[in-house]
């Protein structure tokens, strides 16, 4: 098992995007920082808002480069601290899962998610862990861009908050790299 040394939440900077579906990764990392008692602050050298836990050091990162350039911030921090792709968890919104669903996986394609695409391009590999937070799909492909940049309806927001809380409970397993246990708990319906 490889321990996680970096957790990246994907989203877009700015108040106008704060409540949008595309910022689900930011919401998760913000709540994670509270659980881990990590202070998040702007870090210009990483083009991000970032923080670090006490030993063992785990970095939290929210790129401020806008979604399509997320890899710039991720690669900057990973190079500086010599973190490998398999030591990173990226938390992001997922169109192909319904609200209230969270799923873990390692590697794979980007599924059209530009943040994931840019990270994989900057690192030269897609082999990092992902926590996918379901936001649902608008139905038609041409509606996706507008859909992810709008806030979820109140019932969807409640379901999304539930999936964030449900996955944060598994933070100890994820941090120590015990993804088999985390996936079993997260993916099993009770």
N, C-alpha and C. Protein backbone atom coordinates (compact mmCIF):
# COMPACT_ATOMS: atom_id res chain seq x y z
N UNK A 1 0.84 -1.19 0.00
CA UNK A 1 0.00 0.00 0.00
C UNK A 1 0.88 1.25 0.00
N UNK A 2 0.54 2.18 -0.87
CA UNK A 2 1.26 3.44 -0.95
C UNK A 2 0.41 4.53 -0.29
N UNK A 3 0.96 5.18 0.71
CA UNK A 3 0.23 6.24 1.41
C UNK A 3 0.00 7.44 0.50
N UNK A 4 -1.09 8.15 0.77
CA UNK A 4 -1.41 9.36 0.02
C UNK A 4 -0.69 10.55 0.67
N UNK A 5 0.02 11.31 -0.16
CA UNK A 5 0.75 12.49 0.32
C UNK A 5 0.16 13.79 -0.20
N UNK A 6 -0.75 13.70 -1.18
CA UNK A 6 -1.36 14.89 -1.77
C UNK A 6 -2.82 14.61 -2.10
N UNK A 7 -3.69 15.52 -1.64
CA UNK A 7 -5.11 15.46 -2.01
C UNK A 7 -5.42 16.75 -2.75
N UNK A 8 -5.92 16.60 -3.98
CA UNK A 8 -6.24 17.74 -4.83
C UNK A 8 -7.75 17.80 -5.01
N UNK A 9 -8.32 18.94 -4.74
CA UNK A 9 -9.74 19.17 -5.04
C UNK A 9 -9.84 20.04 -6.27
N UNK A 10 -10.65 19.62 -7.24
CA UNK A 10 -10.78 20.39 -8.48
C UNK A 10 -11.97 21.33 -8.43
N UNK A 11 -11.78 22.50 -9.04
CA UNK A 11 -12.83 23.50 -9.11
C UNK A 11 -12.31 24.72 -9.85
N UNK A 12 -13.11 25.76 -9.86
CA UNK A 12 -12.74 27.03 -10.46
C UNK A 12 -12.67 28.10 -9.38
N UNK A 13 -11.66 28.98 -9.44
CA UNK A 13 -11.57 30.05 -8.44
C UNK A 13 -12.61 31.14 -8.68
N UNK A 14 -12.90 31.89 -7.65
CA UNK A 14 -13.79 33.04 -7.78
C UNK A 14 -15.17 32.79 -7.19
N UNK A 15 -15.75 33.86 -6.64
CA UNK A 15 -17.06 33.75 -5.99
C UNK A 15 -18.15 33.29 -6.94
N UNK A 16 -18.04 33.69 -8.22
CA UNK A 16 -19.10 33.33 -9.17
C UNK A 16 -19.17 31.82 -9.43
N UNK A 17 -18.10 31.09 -9.11
CA UNK A 17 -18.09 29.64 -9.33
C UNK A 17 -18.23 28.83 -8.04
N UNK A 18 -18.14 29.50 -6.89
CA UNK A 18 -18.05 28.79 -5.61
C UNK A 18 -19.15 27.77 -5.37
N UNK A 19 -20.37 28.07 -5.78
CA UNK A 19 -21.50 27.18 -5.50
C UNK A 19 -21.85 26.25 -6.65
N UNK A 20 -21.02 26.22 -7.71
CA UNK A 20 -21.35 25.42 -8.90
C UNK A 20 -20.94 23.95 -8.73
N UNK A 21 -21.62 23.10 -9.50
CA UNK A 21 -21.36 21.65 -9.44
C UNK A 21 -19.88 21.32 -9.71
N UNK A 22 -19.26 22.09 -10.59
CA UNK A 22 -17.87 21.83 -10.99
C UNK A 22 -16.90 22.01 -9.81
N UNK A 23 -17.36 22.65 -8.73
CA UNK A 23 -16.50 22.91 -7.59
C UNK A 23 -16.66 21.89 -6.47
N UNK A 24 -17.26 20.76 -6.75
CA UNK A 24 -17.45 19.72 -5.73
C UNK A 24 -16.11 19.29 -5.11
N UNK A 25 -15.06 19.26 -5.89
CA UNK A 25 -13.74 18.90 -5.36
C UNK A 25 -13.24 19.91 -4.35
N UNK A 26 -13.48 21.20 -4.61
CA UNK A 26 -13.12 22.25 -3.65
C UNK A 26 -13.90 22.07 -2.35
N UNK A 27 -15.19 21.75 -2.46
CA UNK A 27 -16.02 21.56 -1.26
C UNK A 27 -15.45 20.44 -0.40
N UNK A 28 -15.06 19.34 -1.06
CA UNK A 28 -14.55 18.18 -0.33
C UNK A 28 -13.24 18.53 0.38
N UNK A 29 -12.32 19.17 -0.32
CA UNK A 29 -11.03 19.50 0.28
C UNK A 29 -11.20 20.51 1.42
N UNK A 30 -12.12 21.45 1.28
CA UNK A 30 -12.37 22.42 2.35
C UNK A 30 -12.84 21.69 3.61
N UNK A 31 -13.77 20.74 3.45
CA UNK A 31 -14.24 19.97 4.60
C UNK A 31 -13.15 19.05 5.13
N UNK A 32 -12.34 18.49 4.24
CA UNK A 32 -11.22 17.64 4.64
C UNK A 32 -10.22 18.43 5.48
N UNK A 33 -9.97 19.68 5.09
CA UNK A 33 -9.05 20.53 5.84
C UNK A 33 -9.56 20.73 7.27
N UNK A 34 -10.87 20.87 7.42
CA UNK A 34 -11.45 21.00 8.75
C UNK A 34 -11.24 19.75 9.58
N UNK A 35 -11.47 18.58 8.97
CA UNK A 35 -11.29 17.30 9.66
C UNK A 35 -9.83 17.11 10.07
N UNK A 36 -8.90 17.48 9.17
CA UNK A 36 -7.48 17.28 9.42
C UNK A 36 -6.83 18.44 10.18
N UNK A 37 -7.61 19.49 10.46
CA UNK A 37 -7.11 20.71 11.12
C UNK A 37 -5.95 21.33 10.34
N UNK A 38 -6.16 21.46 9.03
CA UNK A 38 -5.17 22.06 8.14
C UNK A 38 -5.66 23.45 7.74
N UNK A 39 -4.79 24.43 7.82
CA UNK A 39 -5.11 25.79 7.37
C UNK A 39 -4.77 25.90 5.89
N UNK A 40 -5.75 26.31 5.11
CA UNK A 40 -5.55 26.50 3.67
C UNK A 40 -5.30 27.98 3.40
N UNK A 41 -4.27 28.27 2.60
CA UNK A 41 -3.96 29.67 2.28
C UNK A 41 -3.37 29.75 0.88
N UNK A 42 -3.43 30.93 0.27
CA UNK A 42 -2.86 31.08 -1.07
C UNK A 42 -1.36 30.78 -1.08
N UNK A 43 -0.94 30.02 -2.09
CA UNK A 43 0.47 29.66 -2.29
C UNK A 43 0.80 29.98 -3.76
N UNK A 44 1.35 31.16 -4.01
CA UNK A 44 1.57 31.60 -5.39
C UNK A 44 2.53 30.68 -6.15
N UNK A 45 3.52 30.09 -5.47
CA UNK A 45 4.48 29.23 -6.19
C UNK A 45 3.81 27.96 -6.72
N UNK A 46 2.64 27.61 -6.15
CA UNK A 46 1.90 26.44 -6.64
C UNK A 46 0.62 26.82 -7.38
N UNK A 47 0.40 28.14 -7.60
CA UNK A 47 -0.80 28.61 -8.31
C UNK A 47 -2.06 28.04 -7.66
N UNK A 48 -2.10 28.04 -6.32
CA UNK A 48 -3.16 27.32 -5.63
C UNK A 48 -3.41 27.85 -4.23
N UNK A 49 -4.49 27.38 -3.67
CA UNK A 49 -4.71 27.48 -2.23
C UNK A 49 -4.27 26.13 -1.70
N UNK A 50 -3.42 26.13 -0.68
CA UNK A 50 -2.83 24.88 -0.22
C UNK A 50 -2.61 24.89 1.28
N UNK A 51 -2.39 23.70 1.82
CA UNK A 51 -2.08 23.55 3.22
C UNK A 51 -1.40 22.21 3.43
N UNK A 52 -0.88 22.01 4.66
CA UNK A 52 -0.16 20.78 4.94
C UNK A 52 -0.48 20.32 6.35
N UNK A 53 -0.70 19.02 6.49
CA UNK A 53 -0.96 18.46 7.81
C UNK A 53 0.37 18.26 8.55
N UNK A 54 0.26 18.02 9.84
CA UNK A 54 1.44 17.66 10.63
C UNK A 54 1.89 16.26 10.18
N UNK A 55 2.94 15.77 10.80
CA UNK A 55 3.47 14.46 10.39
C UNK A 55 2.44 13.36 10.59
N UNK A 56 2.33 12.44 9.63
CA UNK A 56 3.01 12.48 8.33
C UNK A 56 2.42 13.60 7.47
N UNK A 57 3.27 14.27 6.75
CA UNK A 57 2.84 15.42 5.94
C UNK A 57 1.93 14.98 4.80
N UNK A 58 0.74 15.58 4.76
CA UNK A 58 -0.19 15.39 3.66
C UNK A 58 -0.55 16.79 3.18
N UNK A 59 -0.39 17.01 1.89
CA UNK A 59 -0.68 18.32 1.31
C UNK A 59 -2.10 18.33 0.75
N UNK A 60 -2.79 19.44 0.95
CA UNK A 60 -4.11 19.67 0.37
C UNK A 60 -3.96 20.81 -0.63
N UNK A 61 -4.57 20.66 -1.79
CA UNK A 61 -4.36 21.62 -2.88
C UNK A 61 -5.66 21.90 -3.61
N UNK A 62 -5.94 23.19 -3.81
CA UNK A 62 -7.07 23.62 -4.64
C UNK A 62 -6.50 24.56 -5.70
N UNK A 63 -6.24 24.04 -6.92
CA UNK A 63 -5.66 24.86 -7.97
C UNK A 63 -6.49 26.12 -8.24
N UNK A 64 -5.82 27.23 -8.45
CA UNK A 64 -6.49 28.49 -8.76
C UNK A 64 -6.25 28.90 -10.21
N UNK A 65 -5.98 27.92 -11.05
CA UNK A 65 -5.64 28.15 -12.46
C UNK A 65 -6.83 27.98 -13.39
N UNK A 66 -8.01 27.75 -12.85
CA UNK A 66 -9.20 27.36 -13.58
C UNK A 66 -9.05 25.90 -14.00
N UNK A 67 -10.19 25.24 -14.11
CA UNK A 67 -10.26 23.79 -14.28
C UNK A 67 -9.35 23.27 -15.39
N UNK A 68 -9.41 23.91 -16.57
CA UNK A 68 -8.70 23.37 -17.73
C UNK A 68 -7.18 23.39 -17.59
N UNK A 69 -6.66 24.12 -16.59
CA UNK A 69 -5.22 24.20 -16.38
C UNK A 69 -4.82 23.67 -15.00
N UNK A 70 -5.63 22.80 -14.43
CA UNK A 70 -5.38 22.27 -13.09
C UNK A 70 -4.02 21.60 -12.96
N UNK A 71 -3.55 20.98 -14.02
CA UNK A 71 -2.28 20.27 -13.99
C UNK A 71 -1.09 21.16 -13.69
N UNK A 72 -1.18 22.45 -14.03
CA UNK A 72 -0.06 23.38 -13.77
C UNK A 72 0.21 23.46 -12.27
N UNK A 73 -0.84 23.61 -11.46
CA UNK A 73 -0.70 23.70 -10.00
C UNK A 73 -0.27 22.36 -9.41
N UNK A 74 -0.92 21.30 -9.87
CA UNK A 74 -0.62 19.95 -9.36
C UNK A 74 0.84 19.58 -9.62
N UNK A 75 1.28 19.77 -10.86
CA UNK A 75 2.66 19.40 -11.22
C UNK A 75 3.67 20.24 -10.45
N UNK A 76 3.37 21.53 -10.22
CA UNK A 76 4.31 22.39 -9.49
C UNK A 76 4.53 21.87 -8.07
N UNK A 77 3.45 21.52 -7.38
CA UNK A 77 3.60 21.01 -6.01
C UNK A 77 4.26 19.63 -5.99
N UNK A 78 3.86 18.77 -6.91
CA UNK A 78 4.41 17.41 -6.94
C UNK A 78 5.91 17.41 -7.22
N UNK A 79 6.34 18.27 -8.13
CA UNK A 79 7.78 18.35 -8.42
C UNK A 79 8.54 18.88 -7.20
N UNK A 80 8.00 19.92 -6.57
CA UNK A 80 8.68 20.56 -5.44
C UNK A 80 8.86 19.58 -4.29
N UNK A 81 7.83 18.81 -3.98
CA UNK A 81 7.88 17.88 -2.84
C UNK A 81 8.20 16.44 -3.24
N UNK A 82 8.49 16.22 -4.53
CA UNK A 82 8.84 14.88 -5.03
C UNK A 82 7.77 13.85 -4.66
N UNK A 83 6.54 14.13 -5.08
CA UNK A 83 5.40 13.25 -4.84
C UNK A 83 5.09 12.52 -6.14
N UNK A 84 4.91 11.22 -6.06
CA UNK A 84 4.58 10.41 -7.23
C UNK A 84 3.08 10.40 -7.51
N UNK A 85 2.73 10.09 -8.76
CA UNK A 85 1.31 10.07 -9.15
C UNK A 85 0.49 9.11 -8.29
N UNK A 86 1.06 7.96 -7.92
CA UNK A 86 0.33 6.98 -7.12
C UNK A 86 0.15 7.42 -5.67
N UNK A 87 0.77 8.55 -5.29
CA UNK A 87 0.64 9.10 -3.93
C UNK A 87 -0.36 10.26 -3.89
N UNK A 88 -1.14 10.42 -4.96
CA UNK A 88 -2.07 11.54 -5.07
C UNK A 88 -3.50 11.04 -5.23
N UNK A 89 -4.43 11.75 -4.56
CA UNK A 89 -5.86 11.54 -4.70
C UNK A 89 -6.45 12.83 -5.26
N UNK A 90 -7.16 12.74 -6.39
CA UNK A 90 -7.82 13.90 -6.99
C UNK A 90 -9.32 13.74 -6.76
N UNK A 91 -9.93 14.75 -6.16
CA UNK A 91 -11.37 14.73 -5.88
C UNK A 91 -12.06 15.65 -6.89
N UNK A 92 -13.06 15.11 -7.59
CA UNK A 92 -13.70 15.89 -8.66
C UNK A 92 -15.16 15.53 -8.86
N UNK A 93 -15.87 16.42 -9.53
CA UNK A 93 -17.26 16.18 -9.91
C UNK A 93 -17.31 15.14 -11.02
N UNK A 94 -18.37 14.33 -11.00
CA UNK A 94 -18.49 13.24 -11.98
C UNK A 94 -19.90 13.23 -12.57
N UNK A 95 -19.99 13.53 -13.87
CA UNK A 95 -21.27 13.55 -14.58
C UNK A 95 -21.92 12.18 -14.66
N UNK A 96 -21.11 11.12 -14.74
CA UNK A 96 -21.64 9.78 -14.97
C UNK A 96 -22.13 9.07 -13.72
N UNK A 97 -22.15 9.77 -12.59
CA UNK A 97 -22.69 9.21 -11.35
C UNK A 97 -23.82 10.12 -10.85
N UNK A 98 -24.88 9.53 -10.30
CA UNK A 98 -25.97 10.36 -9.78
C UNK A 98 -25.56 11.09 -8.51
N UNK A 99 -26.17 12.23 -8.22
CA UNK A 99 -25.88 12.93 -6.96
C UNK A 99 -26.09 11.99 -5.78
N UNK A 100 -25.19 12.09 -4.80
CA UNK A 100 -25.27 11.22 -3.63
C UNK A 100 -24.37 10.01 -3.73
N UNK A 101 -23.73 9.83 -4.89
CA UNK A 101 -22.84 8.69 -5.11
C UNK A 101 -21.39 9.17 -5.13
N UNK A 102 -20.52 8.42 -4.47
CA UNK A 102 -19.09 8.69 -4.52
C UNK A 102 -18.38 7.38 -4.83
N UNK A 103 -17.40 7.43 -5.71
CA UNK A 103 -16.67 6.23 -6.11
C UNK A 103 -15.18 6.53 -6.19
N UNK A 104 -14.39 5.54 -5.79
CA UNK A 104 -12.93 5.61 -5.88
C UNK A 104 -12.45 4.76 -7.04
N UNK A 105 -11.39 5.22 -7.70
CA UNK A 105 -10.73 4.39 -8.71
C UNK A 105 -9.33 4.93 -8.94
N UNK A 106 -8.49 4.08 -9.49
CA UNK A 106 -7.14 4.51 -9.85
C UNK A 106 -7.02 4.46 -11.36
N UNK A 107 -6.44 5.53 -11.91
CA UNK A 107 -6.18 5.56 -13.34
C UNK A 107 -7.43 5.65 -14.18
N UNK A 108 -7.28 5.36 -15.46
CA UNK A 108 -8.40 5.42 -16.39
C UNK A 108 -8.37 6.71 -17.19
N UNK A 109 -9.39 6.87 -18.02
CA UNK A 109 -9.49 8.05 -18.86
C UNK A 109 -10.03 9.24 -18.09
N UNK A 110 -10.17 10.34 -18.80
CA UNK A 110 -10.65 11.56 -18.17
C UNK A 110 -12.17 11.69 -18.23
N UNK A 111 -12.81 10.88 -19.05
CA UNK A 111 -14.27 10.96 -19.17
C UNK A 111 -14.72 12.34 -19.62
N UNK A 112 -13.86 13.05 -20.37
CA UNK A 112 -14.21 14.39 -20.82
C UNK A 112 -13.98 15.48 -19.79
N UNK A 113 -13.47 15.10 -18.61
CA UNK A 113 -13.23 16.09 -17.54
C UNK A 113 -11.91 16.79 -17.82
N UNK A 114 -11.97 18.08 -18.13
CA UNK A 114 -10.77 18.81 -18.54
C UNK A 114 -9.73 18.95 -17.44
N UNK A 115 -10.16 18.99 -16.19
CA UNK A 115 -9.21 19.05 -15.09
C UNK A 115 -8.37 17.79 -15.02
N UNK A 116 -9.02 16.63 -15.10
CA UNK A 116 -8.31 15.34 -15.09
C UNK A 116 -7.40 15.22 -16.32
N UNK A 117 -7.91 15.66 -17.46
CA UNK A 117 -7.15 15.58 -18.71
C UNK A 117 -5.84 16.37 -18.60
N UNK A 118 -5.92 17.58 -18.02
CA UNK A 118 -4.74 18.42 -17.90
C UNK A 118 -3.75 17.86 -16.88
N UNK A 119 -4.26 17.32 -15.79
CA UNK A 119 -3.37 16.72 -14.79
C UNK A 119 -2.61 15.55 -15.40
N UNK A 120 -3.32 14.65 -16.08
CA UNK A 120 -2.68 13.49 -16.71
C UNK A 120 -1.64 13.94 -17.75
N UNK A 121 -1.96 15.00 -18.52
CA UNK A 121 -1.03 15.51 -19.53
C UNK A 121 0.22 16.09 -18.87
N UNK A 122 0.04 16.87 -17.80
CA UNK A 122 1.18 17.49 -17.12
C UNK A 122 2.07 16.45 -16.44
N UNK A 123 1.46 15.40 -15.90
CA UNK A 123 2.23 14.37 -15.19
C UNK A 123 2.77 13.29 -16.12
N UNK A 124 2.18 13.19 -17.31
CA UNK A 124 2.59 12.15 -18.24
C UNK A 124 2.03 10.78 -17.89
N UNK A 125 1.03 10.75 -16.98
CA UNK A 125 0.38 9.49 -16.60
C UNK A 125 -1.00 9.76 -16.01
N UNK A 126 -1.96 8.85 -16.26
CA UNK A 126 -3.27 8.97 -15.63
C UNK A 126 -3.36 8.12 -14.35
N UNK A 127 -2.23 7.53 -13.93
CA UNK A 127 -2.24 6.55 -12.82
C UNK A 127 -2.22 7.20 -11.44
N UNK A 128 -3.23 8.02 -11.17
CA UNK A 128 -3.40 8.58 -9.84
C UNK A 128 -4.80 8.18 -9.36
N UNK A 129 -5.00 8.26 -8.07
CA UNK A 129 -6.30 7.91 -7.49
C UNK A 129 -7.29 9.04 -7.70
N UNK A 130 -8.56 8.67 -7.89
CA UNK A 130 -9.62 9.66 -8.06
C UNK A 130 -10.77 9.32 -7.12
N UNK A 131 -11.33 10.35 -6.51
CA UNK A 131 -12.58 10.23 -5.77
C UNK A 131 -13.59 11.00 -6.59
N UNK A 132 -14.53 10.27 -7.17
CA UNK A 132 -15.51 10.83 -8.10
C UNK A 132 -16.81 11.12 -7.34
N UNK A 133 -17.20 12.39 -7.29
CA UNK A 133 -18.42 12.80 -6.61
C UNK A 133 -19.53 13.03 -7.64
N UNK A 134 -20.55 12.20 -7.59
CA UNK A 134 -21.62 12.28 -8.58
C UNK A 134 -22.40 13.58 -8.55
N UNK A 135 -22.57 14.17 -9.72
CA UNK A 135 -23.38 15.38 -9.85
C UNK A 135 -24.54 15.16 -10.82
N UNK A 136 -24.61 13.96 -11.44
CA UNK A 136 -25.64 13.69 -12.43
C UNK A 136 -25.30 14.31 -13.77
N UNK A 137 -26.11 13.98 -14.77
CA UNK A 137 -25.88 14.43 -16.14
C UNK A 137 -27.11 15.19 -16.62
N UNK A 138 -26.92 16.27 -17.37
CA UNK A 138 -28.09 17.03 -17.84
C UNK A 138 -28.89 16.31 -18.92
N UNK A 139 -28.34 15.25 -19.50
CA UNK A 139 -29.06 14.49 -20.52
C UNK A 139 -28.48 14.66 -21.91
N UNK A 140 -28.23 15.88 -22.32
CA UNK A 140 -27.68 16.15 -23.66
C UNK A 140 -26.26 16.68 -23.52
N UNK A 141 -25.37 16.16 -24.37
CA UNK A 141 -23.96 16.53 -24.31
C UNK A 141 -23.74 18.03 -24.45
N UNK A 142 -24.53 18.68 -25.31
CA UNK A 142 -24.35 20.12 -25.52
C UNK A 142 -24.75 20.96 -24.30
N UNK A 143 -25.42 20.35 -23.31
CA UNK A 143 -25.84 21.08 -22.11
C UNK A 143 -24.83 20.95 -20.96
N UNK A 144 -23.81 20.13 -21.14
CA UNK A 144 -22.87 19.83 -20.05
C UNK A 144 -22.15 21.06 -19.51
N UNK A 145 -21.59 21.90 -20.38
CA UNK A 145 -20.81 23.05 -19.92
C UNK A 145 -21.66 23.98 -19.05
N UNK A 146 -22.86 24.27 -19.48
CA UNK A 146 -23.74 25.14 -18.68
C UNK A 146 -24.15 24.45 -17.38
N UNK A 147 -24.38 23.15 -17.45
CA UNK A 147 -24.84 22.38 -16.28
C UNK A 147 -23.80 22.37 -15.16
N UNK A 148 -22.54 22.10 -15.48
CA UNK A 148 -21.51 22.01 -14.44
C UNK A 148 -21.20 23.38 -13.83
N UNK A 149 -21.51 24.46 -14.56
CA UNK A 149 -21.23 25.80 -14.06
C UNK A 149 -22.45 26.45 -13.39
N UNK A 150 -23.44 25.60 -13.03
CA UNK A 150 -24.61 26.08 -12.28
C UNK A 150 -24.63 25.38 -10.92
N UNK A 151 -25.21 26.02 -9.90
CA UNK A 151 -25.35 25.35 -8.60
C UNK A 151 -26.33 24.17 -8.72
N UNK A 152 -26.11 23.12 -7.91
CA UNK A 152 -27.07 22.02 -7.91
C UNK A 152 -28.40 22.46 -7.29
N UNK A 153 -29.49 21.81 -7.70
CA UNK A 153 -30.78 22.06 -7.06
C UNK A 153 -30.66 21.63 -5.59
N UNK A 154 -31.51 22.14 -4.73
CA UNK A 154 -31.36 21.91 -3.28
C UNK A 154 -31.33 20.43 -2.92
N UNK A 155 -32.17 19.61 -3.56
CA UNK A 155 -32.16 18.17 -3.24
C UNK A 155 -30.87 17.50 -3.71
N UNK A 156 -30.32 17.99 -4.85
CA UNK A 156 -29.04 17.47 -5.34
C UNK A 156 -27.91 17.90 -4.40
N UNK A 157 -27.97 19.15 -3.92
CA UNK A 157 -26.94 19.65 -3.01
C UNK A 157 -26.91 18.82 -1.73
N UNK A 158 -28.09 18.45 -1.22
CA UNK A 158 -28.17 17.61 -0.02
C UNK A 158 -27.53 16.25 -0.28
N UNK A 159 -27.83 15.66 -1.44
CA UNK A 159 -27.25 14.36 -1.79
C UNK A 159 -25.74 14.45 -1.95
N UNK A 160 -25.28 15.53 -2.56
CA UNK A 160 -23.84 15.74 -2.75
C UNK A 160 -23.14 15.90 -1.41
N UNK A 161 -23.74 16.66 -0.50
CA UNK A 161 -23.15 16.82 0.84
C UNK A 161 -23.10 15.48 1.57
N UNK A 162 -24.12 14.65 1.37
CA UNK A 162 -24.12 13.31 1.97
C UNK A 162 -22.97 12.47 1.44
N UNK A 163 -22.73 12.52 0.13
CA UNK A 163 -21.64 11.72 -0.45
C UNK A 163 -20.28 12.25 0.01
N UNK A 164 -20.16 13.57 0.22
CA UNK A 164 -18.91 14.14 0.74
C UNK A 164 -18.68 13.63 2.16
N UNK A 165 -19.71 13.71 3.00
CA UNK A 165 -19.59 13.25 4.39
C UNK A 165 -19.27 11.75 4.45
N UNK A 166 -19.96 10.97 3.62
CA UNK A 166 -19.78 9.52 3.58
C UNK A 166 -18.34 9.15 3.17
N UNK A 167 -17.78 9.88 2.21
CA UNK A 167 -16.42 9.57 1.76
C UNK A 167 -15.37 10.11 2.72
N UNK A 168 -15.64 11.23 3.40
CA UNK A 168 -14.68 11.77 4.37
C UNK A 168 -14.47 10.84 5.56
N UNK A 169 -15.49 10.04 5.87
CA UNK A 169 -15.35 9.06 6.96
C UNK A 169 -14.22 8.07 6.65
N UNK A 170 -13.97 7.87 5.37
CA UNK A 170 -12.96 6.90 4.93
C UNK A 170 -11.58 7.53 4.75
N UNK A 171 -11.42 8.77 5.20
CA UNK A 171 -10.14 9.46 5.05
C UNK A 171 -8.96 8.68 5.64
N UNK A 172 -9.07 8.10 6.84
CA UNK A 172 -7.92 7.34 7.38
C UNK A 172 -7.47 6.20 6.46
N UNK A 173 -8.44 5.46 5.91
CA UNK A 173 -8.08 4.36 4.99
C UNK A 173 -7.41 4.91 3.73
N UNK A 174 -7.98 5.99 3.18
CA UNK A 174 -7.40 6.56 1.96
C UNK A 174 -5.99 7.09 2.20
N UNK A 175 -5.79 7.77 3.31
CA UNK A 175 -4.46 8.34 3.59
C UNK A 175 -3.39 7.27 3.73
N UNK A 176 -3.73 6.14 4.33
CA UNK A 176 -2.71 5.10 4.47
C UNK A 176 -2.60 4.23 3.23
N UNK A 177 -3.43 4.53 2.21
CA UNK A 177 -3.34 3.80 0.94
C UNK A 177 -4.11 2.50 0.93
N UNK A 178 -5.00 2.30 1.90
CA UNK A 178 -5.82 1.09 1.96
C UNK A 178 -7.10 1.31 1.15
N UNK A 179 -6.92 1.44 -0.15
CA UNK A 179 -8.05 1.73 -1.02
C UNK A 179 -8.98 0.53 -1.19
N UNK A 180 -8.47 -0.68 -1.00
CA UNK A 180 -9.34 -1.87 -1.09
C UNK A 180 -10.43 -1.78 -0.02
N UNK A 181 -10.04 -1.46 1.21
CA UNK A 181 -11.01 -1.33 2.29
C UNK A 181 -11.92 -0.13 2.06
N UNK A 182 -11.34 1.00 1.65
CA UNK A 182 -12.14 2.22 1.41
C UNK A 182 -13.17 1.97 0.32
N UNK A 183 -12.77 1.31 -0.77
CA UNK A 183 -13.70 1.03 -1.87
C UNK A 183 -14.80 0.07 -1.44
N UNK A 184 -14.44 -0.94 -0.67
CA UNK A 184 -15.44 -1.89 -0.20
C UNK A 184 -16.51 -1.16 0.62
N UNK A 185 -16.09 -0.31 1.53
CA UNK A 185 -17.04 0.44 2.37
C UNK A 185 -17.84 1.44 1.57
N UNK A 186 -17.18 2.16 0.67
CA UNK A 186 -17.84 3.22 -0.08
C UNK A 186 -18.78 2.68 -1.17
N UNK A 187 -18.38 1.58 -1.80
CA UNK A 187 -19.14 1.07 -2.94
C UNK A 187 -20.20 0.04 -2.57
N UNK A 188 -20.24 -0.39 -1.30
CA UNK A 188 -21.20 -1.39 -0.88
C UNK A 188 -22.45 -0.71 -0.33
N UNK A 189 -23.60 -1.07 -0.89
CA UNK A 189 -24.87 -0.52 -0.40
C UNK A 189 -25.24 -1.25 0.89
N UNK A 190 -25.62 -0.47 1.88
CA UNK A 190 -25.97 -1.07 3.19
C UNK A 190 -27.47 -1.25 3.28
